[in-house]
Amino acid sequence: MSWYLAVPSVLLALLFAAGGVAAVRTGWVLPWQRRHVHRVRLFGWAQLVIAAAFAAKVATGLFDDPGADAGLGSVSLLVLLGGFGLMVVSQRPESNS
């Protein structure tokens, strides 16, 4: 992986991790997201999952084997989609049934 792809990925992973830890531990969400998020802890976990996906994507550059690179890239993409799915669910109000 080239440095111009790795550096933004590492920065995004750190930003998502910081936001996720803040949401899980204190319930704090960025101001422009506050009116959309109904389940703050789930939103924090979603951010942590997305941070892990970006970190896994950066880790694909450490392998010389193309098979391992493709496999870890696919896993990181699926984890990223799962994190986005959790983020969508956290923005829906809880059902009281």
C-alpha atoms as a PDB file:
ATOM      1  CA  MET A   1       0.000   0.000   0.000  1.00  0.00           C
ATOM      2  CA  SER A   2       1.344   3.405  -0.921  1.00  0.00           C
ATOM      3  CA  TRP A   3       1.933   6.016   1.756  1.00  0.00           C
ATOM      4  CA  TYR A   4      -0.668   8.346   0.240  1.00  0.00           C
ATOM      5  CA  LEU A   5      -3.297   5.685   0.901  1.00  0.00           C
ATOM      6  CA  ALA A   6      -1.934   4.440   4.222  1.00  0.00           C
ATOM      7  CA  VAL A   7      -1.664   7.815   5.970  1.00  0.00           C
ATOM      8  CA  PRO A   8      -5.326   8.870   5.451  1.00  0.00           C
ATOM      9  CA  SER A   9      -6.473   5.372   6.413  1.00  0.00           C
ATOM     10  CA  VAL A  10      -4.501   5.508   9.667  1.00  0.00           C
ATOM     11  CA  LEU A  11      -5.850   8.985  10.414  1.00  0.00           C
ATOM     12  CA  LEU A  12      -9.427   7.875   9.760  1.00  0.00           C
ATOM     13  CA  ALA A  13      -8.921   4.812  11.953  1.00  0.00           C
ATOM     14  CA  LEU A  14      -7.654   7.010  14.801  1.00  0.00           C
ATOM     15  CA  LEU A  15     -10.506   9.507  14.424  1.00  0.00           C
ATOM     16  CA  PHE A  16     -13.172   6.808  14.352  1.00  0.00           C
ATOM     17  CA  ALA A  17     -11.565   5.055  17.328  1.00  0.00           C
ATOM     18  CA  ALA A  18     -11.485   8.277  19.360  1.00  0.00           C
ATOM     19  CA  GLY A  19     -15.119   9.028  18.527  1.00  0.00           C
ATOM     20  CA  GLY A  20     -16.148   5.465  19.303  1.00  0.00           C
ATOM     21  CA  VAL A  21     -14.432   5.418  22.681  1.00  0.00           C
ATOM     22  CA  ALA A  22     -15.986   8.788  23.561  1.00  0.00           C
ATOM     23  CA  ALA A  23     -19.459   7.575  22.588  1.00  0.00           C
ATOM     24  CA  VAL A  24     -19.196   4.271  24.439  1.00  0.00           C
ATOM     25  CA  ARG A  25     -17.628   5.625  27.633  1.00  0.00           C
ATOM     26  CA  THR A  26     -19.283   9.021  28.059  1.00  0.00           C
ATOM     27  CA  GLY A  27     -22.197   9.118  25.616  1.00  0.00           C
ATOM     28  CA  TRP A  28     -20.657  12.070  23.768  1.00  0.00           C
ATOM     29  CA  VAL A  29     -21.323  12.357  20.031  1.00  0.00           C
ATOM     30  CA  LEU A  30     -20.134  15.032  17.621  1.00  0.00           C
ATOM     31  CA  PRO A  31     -22.516  18.011  17.518  1.00  0.00           C
ATOM     32  CA  TRP A  32     -23.681  17.513  13.926  1.00  0.00           C
ATOM     33  CA  GLN A  33     -24.583  13.882  14.658  1.00  0.00           C
ATOM     34  CA  ARG A  34     -26.499  14.418  17.901  1.00  0.00           C
ATOM     35  CA  ARG A  35     -29.951  14.879  16.413  1.00  0.00           C
ATOM     36  CA  HIS A  36     -29.635  11.746  14.257  1.00  0.00           C
ATOM     37  CA  VAL A  37     -28.244   9.254  16.794  1.00  0.00           C
ATOM     38  CA  HIS A  38     -30.761   7.586  19.110  1.00  0.00           C
ATOM     39  CA  ARG A  39     -28.584   4.762  20.483  1.00  0.00           C
ATOM     40  CA  VAL A  40     -25.297   6.353  21.448  1.00  0.00           C
ATOM     41  CA  ARG A  41     -23.504   3.242  22.740  1.00  0.00           C
ATOM     42  CA  LEU A  42     -24.341   1.276  19.588  1.00  0.00           C
ATOM     43  CA  PHE A  43     -23.141   4.221  17.518  1.00  0.00           C
ATOM     44  CA  GLY A  44     -19.853   4.158  19.438  1.00  0.00           C
ATOM     45  CA  TRP A  45     -19.415   0.453  18.821  1.00  0.00           C
ATOM     46  CA  ALA A  46     -20.130   1.029  15.132  1.00  0.00           C
ATOM     47  CA  GLN A  47     -17.372   3.631  15.027  1.00  0.00           C
ATOM     48  CA  LEU A  48     -14.969   1.195  16.702  1.00  0.00           C
ATOM     49  CA  VAL A  49     -15.834  -1.488  14.130  1.00  0.00           C
ATOM     50  CA  ILE A  50     -15.183   0.981  11.306  1.00  0.00           C
ATOM     51  CA  ALA A  51     -11.862   1.951  12.901  1.00  0.00           C
ATOM     52  CA  ALA A  52     -10.889  -1.724  13.006  1.00  0.00           C
ATOM     53  CA  ALA A  53     -11.784  -2.059   9.320  1.00  0.00           C
ATOM     54  CA  PHE A  54      -9.527   0.856   8.391  1.00  0.00           C
ATOM     55  CA  ALA A  55      -6.717  -0.609  10.527  1.00  0.00           C
ATOM     56  CA  ALA A  56      -7.151  -3.990   8.817  1.00  0.00           C
ATOM     57  CA  LYS A  57      -6.990  -2.280   5.428  1.00  0.00           C
ATOM     58  CA  VAL A  58      -3.684  -0.691   6.387  1.00  0.00           C
ATOM     59  CA  ALA A  59      -2.459  -4.080   7.624  1.00  0.00           C
ATOM     60  CA  THR A  60      -3.007  -5.572   4.148  1.00  0.00           C
ATOM     61  CA  GLY A  61       0.051  -3.637   2.998  1.00  0.00           C
ATOM     62  CA  LEU A  62       2.243  -5.619   5.406  1.00  0.00           C
ATOM     63  CA  PHE A  63       1.791  -8.917   3.556  1.00  0.00           C
ATOM     64  CA  ASP A  64       3.758  -9.907   0.483  1.00  0.00           C
ATOM     65  CA  ASP A  65       1.437 -12.789  -0.349  1.00  0.00           C
ATOM     66  CA  PRO A  66      -1.265 -11.692  -2.835  1.00  0.00           C
ATOM     67  CA  GLY A  67      -3.698 -14.285  -1.478  1.00  0.00           C
ATOM     68  CA  ALA A  68      -3.418 -13.028   2.093  1.00  0.00           C
ATOM     69  CA  ASP A  69      -3.640  -9.464   0.821  1.00  0.00           C
ATOM     70  CA  ALA A  70      -6.856 -10.183  -1.077  1.00  0.00           C
ATOM     71  CA  GLY A  71      -8.347 -12.174   1.801  1.00  0.00           C
ATOM     72  CA  LEU A  72      -7.659  -9.511   4.417  1.00  0.00           C
ATOM     73  CA  GLY A  73      -8.894  -6.832   2.032  1.00  0.00           C
ATOM     74  CA  SER A  74     -12.179  -8.695   1.587  1.00  0.00           C
ATOM     75  CA  VAL A  75     -12.564  -9.178   5.323  1.00  0.00           C
ATOM     76  CA  SER A  76     -11.879  -5.497   5.981  1.00  0.00           C
ATOM     77  CA  LEU A  77     -14.502  -4.530   3.394  1.00  0.00           C
ATOM     78  CA  LEU A  78     -17.102  -6.798   5.034  1.00  0.00           C
ATOM     79  CA  VAL A  79     -16.248  -5.402   8.476  1.00  0.00           C
ATOM     80  CA  LEU A  80     -16.590  -1.860   7.116  1.00  0.00           C
ATOM     81  CA  LEU A  81     -20.032  -2.673   5.697  1.00  0.00           C
ATOM     82  CA  GLY A  82     -21.022  -4.243   9.014  1.00  0.00           C
ATOM     83  CA  GLY A  83     -19.943  -1.097  10.845  1.00  0.00           C
ATOM     84  CA  PHE A  84     -22.009   1.053   8.500  1.00  0.00           C
ATOM     85  CA  GLY A  85     -24.967  -1.264   9.118  1.00  0.00           C
ATOM     86  CA  LEU A  86     -24.577  -0.826  12.884  1.00  0.00           C
ATOM     87  CA  MET A  87     -24.389   2.924  12.363  1.00  0.00           C
ATOM     88  CA  VAL A  88     -27.684   2.882  10.440  1.00  0.00           C
ATOM     89  CA  VAL A  89     -29.361   0.812  13.155  1.00  0.00           C
ATOM     90  CA  SER A  90     -28.114   3.212  15.848  1.00  0.00           C
ATOM     91  CA  GLN A  91     -29.871   6.079  14.097  1.00  0.00           C
ATOM     92  CA  ARG A  92     -33.274   4.429  14.315  1.00  0.00           C
ATOM     93  CA  PRO A  93     -35.384   4.966  17.452  1.00  0.00           C
ATOM     94  CA  GLU A  94     -35.783   2.023  19.781  1.00  0.00           C
ATOM     95  CA  SER A  95     -39.019   0.107  19.431  1.00  0.00           C
ATOM     96  CA  ASN A  96     -40.939  -0.275  22.688  1.00  0.00           C
ATOM     97  CA  SER A  97     -42.821  -3.468  21.978  1.00  0.00           C
END
